[in-house]
Amino acid sequence: MDSPRRSIVKALCWNLLGFVSMSLVGLAMTGSMAIGGAMAVINTALGFTLYLFYERLWARIGWGRHV
């Protein structure tokens, strides 16, 4: 089982990657750095929160694990 700290670090790393990619997509789609950045911030905050809960939930489920 991952520790809570490991789950947070994994979520931060994943969301940093998502933030950069979403910023570029937002910029490409809107032509605006401000709108693209706002989209990326909202997406990152929501994604981080949901990913963290998702990881912690799966850490409690033993199904499919081989010890």
N, C-alpha and C. Protein backbone atom coordinates (compact mmCIF):
# COMPACT_ATOMS: atom_id res chain seq x y z
N MET A 1 0.85 -1.18 0.00
CA MET A 1 0.00 0.00 0.00
C MET A 1 0.89 1.24 0.00
N ASP A 2 0.54 2.21 -0.83
CA ASP A 2 1.28 3.46 -0.85
C ASP A 2 0.98 4.27 0.40
N SER A 3 1.98 4.98 0.88
CA SER A 3 1.77 5.89 2.00
C SER A 3 1.00 7.11 1.50
N PRO A 4 0.33 7.83 2.41
CA PRO A 4 -0.34 9.05 1.98
C PRO A 4 0.63 10.06 1.34
N ARG A 5 1.84 10.13 1.86
CA ARG A 5 2.83 11.06 1.30
C ARG A 5 3.18 10.67 -0.14
N ARG A 6 3.37 9.37 -0.39
CA ARG A 6 3.67 8.91 -1.75
C ARG A 6 2.52 9.24 -2.70
N SER A 7 1.29 9.04 -2.24
CA SER A 7 0.12 9.36 -3.07
C SER A 7 0.10 10.84 -3.43
N ILE A 8 0.45 11.70 -2.49
CA ILE A 8 0.46 13.14 -2.75
C ILE A 8 1.55 13.50 -3.76
N VAL A 9 2.75 12.93 -3.59
CA VAL A 9 3.84 13.21 -4.52
C VAL A 9 3.49 12.73 -5.92
N LYS A 10 2.90 11.53 -6.03
CA LYS A 10 2.49 11.02 -7.33
C LYS A 10 1.45 11.94 -7.96
N ALA A 11 0.50 12.39 -7.17
CA ALA A 11 -0.54 13.28 -7.68
C ALA A 11 0.05 14.61 -8.13
N LEU A 12 1.00 15.15 -7.38
CA LEU A 12 1.62 16.41 -7.76
C LEU A 12 2.39 16.29 -9.07
N CYS A 13 3.17 15.22 -9.21
CA CYS A 13 3.94 15.01 -10.44
C CYS A 13 3.02 14.85 -11.65
N TRP A 14 2.00 14.04 -11.49
CA TRP A 14 1.05 13.81 -12.57
C TRP A 14 0.36 15.11 -12.97
N ASN A 15 -0.04 15.88 -11.97
CA ASN A 15 -0.76 17.12 -12.26
C ASN A 15 0.14 18.21 -12.82
N LEU A 16 1.41 18.20 -12.50
CA LEU A 16 2.34 19.14 -13.13
C LEU A 16 2.42 18.87 -14.63
N LEU A 17 2.52 17.61 -14.98
CA LEU A 17 2.52 17.23 -16.39
C LEU A 17 1.20 17.64 -17.06
N GLY A 18 0.10 17.38 -16.38
CA GLY A 18 -1.21 17.77 -16.91
C GLY A 18 -1.37 19.27 -17.04
N PHE A 19 -0.83 20.02 -16.08
CA PHE A 19 -0.91 21.48 -16.13
C PHE A 19 -0.20 22.04 -17.36
N VAL A 20 0.99 21.54 -17.60
CA VAL A 20 1.75 22.01 -18.76
C VAL A 20 1.03 21.68 -20.06
N SER A 21 0.56 20.43 -20.18
CA SER A 21 -0.12 20.04 -21.41
C SER A 21 -1.44 20.78 -21.58
N MET A 22 -2.18 20.98 -20.51
CA MET A 22 -3.46 21.69 -20.60
C MET A 22 -3.24 23.16 -20.93
N SER A 23 -2.17 23.75 -20.41
CA SER A 23 -1.85 25.14 -20.75
C SER A 23 -1.59 25.29 -22.24
N LEU A 24 -0.83 24.35 -22.79
CA LEU A 24 -0.53 24.40 -24.22
C LEU A 24 -1.77 24.17 -25.07
N VAL A 25 -2.60 23.23 -24.66
CA VAL A 25 -3.85 22.98 -25.39
C VAL A 25 -4.77 24.20 -25.30
N GLY A 26 -4.90 24.75 -24.10
CA GLY A 26 -5.74 25.94 -23.92
C GLY A 26 -5.26 27.11 -24.74
N LEU A 27 -3.96 27.31 -24.77
CA LEU A 27 -3.38 28.38 -25.58
C LEU A 27 -3.64 28.14 -27.07
N ALA A 28 -3.43 26.92 -27.51
CA ALA A 28 -3.64 26.58 -28.92
C ALA A 28 -5.11 26.74 -29.32
N MET A 29 -6.01 26.37 -28.44
CA MET A 29 -7.45 26.41 -28.78
C MET A 29 -8.04 27.81 -28.69
N THR A 30 -7.53 28.63 -27.75
CA THR A 30 -8.13 29.95 -27.56
C THR A 30 -7.28 31.09 -28.08
N GLY A 31 -5.97 30.84 -28.22
CA GLY A 31 -5.06 31.91 -28.62
C GLY A 31 -4.74 32.87 -27.48
N SER A 32 -5.24 32.58 -26.29
CA SER A 32 -5.05 33.45 -25.14
C SER A 32 -4.30 32.71 -24.04
N MET A 33 -3.19 33.30 -23.61
CA MET A 33 -2.44 32.69 -22.51
C MET A 33 -3.25 32.75 -21.21
N ALA A 34 -4.00 33.84 -21.00
CA ALA A 34 -4.79 33.99 -19.78
C ALA A 34 -5.90 32.95 -19.70
N ILE A 35 -6.63 32.77 -20.77
CA ILE A 35 -7.73 31.80 -20.78
C ILE A 35 -7.16 30.38 -20.71
N GLY A 36 -6.12 30.11 -21.48
CA GLY A 36 -5.48 28.79 -21.44
C GLY A 36 -4.93 28.48 -20.07
N GLY A 37 -4.32 29.48 -19.43
CA GLY A 37 -3.79 29.30 -18.07
C GLY A 37 -4.89 29.06 -17.06
N ALA A 38 -6.00 29.81 -17.18
CA ALA A 38 -7.13 29.62 -16.26
C ALA A 38 -7.71 28.22 -16.41
N MET A 39 -7.84 27.77 -17.65
CA MET A 39 -8.34 26.41 -17.89
C MET A 39 -7.41 25.39 -17.24
N ALA A 40 -6.11 25.60 -17.36
CA ALA A 40 -5.13 24.67 -16.81
C ALA A 40 -5.17 24.66 -15.28
N VAL A 41 -5.32 25.83 -14.67
CA VAL A 41 -5.38 25.90 -13.20
C VAL A 41 -6.60 25.17 -12.68
N ILE A 42 -7.74 25.40 -13.28
CA ILE A 42 -8.98 24.73 -12.86
C ILE A 42 -8.85 23.22 -13.05
N ASN A 43 -8.37 22.82 -14.20
CA ASN A 43 -8.22 21.40 -14.49
C ASN A 43 -7.24 20.74 -13.52
N THR A 44 -6.14 21.41 -13.21
CA THR A 44 -5.13 20.86 -12.31
C THR A 44 -5.67 20.73 -10.89
N ALA A 45 -6.35 21.74 -10.40
CA ALA A 45 -6.91 21.68 -9.04
C ALA A 45 -7.93 20.56 -8.92
N LEU A 46 -8.81 20.46 -9.88
CA LEU A 46 -9.82 19.41 -9.87
C LEU A 46 -9.17 18.03 -10.04
N GLY A 47 -8.26 17.92 -10.98
CA GLY A 47 -7.59 16.65 -11.23
C GLY A 47 -6.78 16.18 -10.05
N PHE A 48 -6.06 17.09 -9.38
CA PHE A 48 -5.27 16.72 -8.21
C PHE A 48 -6.16 16.15 -7.11
N THR A 49 -7.24 16.85 -6.83
CA THR A 49 -8.14 16.42 -5.76
C THR A 49 -8.76 15.06 -6.07
N LEU A 50 -9.29 14.90 -7.27
CA LEU A 50 -9.92 13.63 -7.64
C LEU A 50 -8.91 12.49 -7.68
N TYR A 51 -7.70 12.74 -8.21
CA TYR A 51 -6.68 11.70 -8.28
C TYR A 51 -6.25 11.24 -6.89
N LEU A 52 -6.10 12.18 -5.98
CA LEU A 52 -5.69 11.83 -4.63
C LEU A 52 -6.72 10.93 -3.95
N PHE A 53 -7.98 11.29 -4.04
CA PHE A 53 -9.03 10.44 -3.47
C PHE A 53 -9.09 9.08 -4.17
N TYR A 54 -8.93 9.07 -5.47
CA TYR A 54 -8.95 7.84 -6.25
C TYR A 54 -7.82 6.90 -5.82
N GLU A 55 -6.62 7.45 -5.70
CA GLU A 55 -5.47 6.64 -5.27
C GLU A 55 -5.65 6.06 -3.87
N ARG A 56 -6.14 6.89 -2.96
CA ARG A 56 -6.32 6.43 -1.58
C ARG A 56 -7.42 5.37 -1.51
N LEU A 57 -8.46 5.49 -2.31
CA LEU A 57 -9.51 4.48 -2.35
C LEU A 57 -8.94 3.16 -2.83
N TRP A 58 -8.20 3.19 -3.94
CA TRP A 58 -7.63 1.96 -4.48
C TRP A 58 -6.57 1.36 -3.56
N ALA A 59 -5.91 2.18 -2.76
CA ALA A 59 -4.92 1.66 -1.81
C ALA A 59 -5.59 0.77 -0.76
N ARG A 60 -6.87 0.95 -0.53
CA ARG A 60 -7.60 0.17 0.47
C ARG A 60 -8.23 -1.10 -0.10
N ILE A 61 -8.23 -1.23 -1.41
CA ILE A 61 -8.85 -2.39 -2.05
C ILE A 61 -7.79 -3.44 -2.32
N GLY A 62 -8.01 -4.63 -1.81
CA GLY A 62 -7.03 -5.70 -1.97
C GLY A 62 -7.20 -6.52 -3.23
N TRP A 63 -8.30 -6.34 -3.94
CA TRP A 63 -8.60 -7.13 -5.12
C TRP A 63 -7.48 -7.01 -6.16
N GLY A 64 -7.04 -8.14 -6.67
CA GLY A 64 -6.06 -8.17 -7.73
C GLY A 64 -4.62 -8.02 -7.28
N ARG A 65 -4.36 -7.92 -6.00
CA ARG A 65 -3.00 -7.81 -5.49
C ARG A 65 -2.45 -9.19 -5.21
N HIS A 66 -1.19 -9.33 -5.51
CA HIS A 66 -0.49 -10.57 -5.19
C HIS A 66 0.64 -10.24 -4.23
N VAL A 67 0.62 -10.89 -3.10
CA VAL A 67 1.63 -10.59 -2.08
C VAL A 67 2.77 -11.57 -2.15
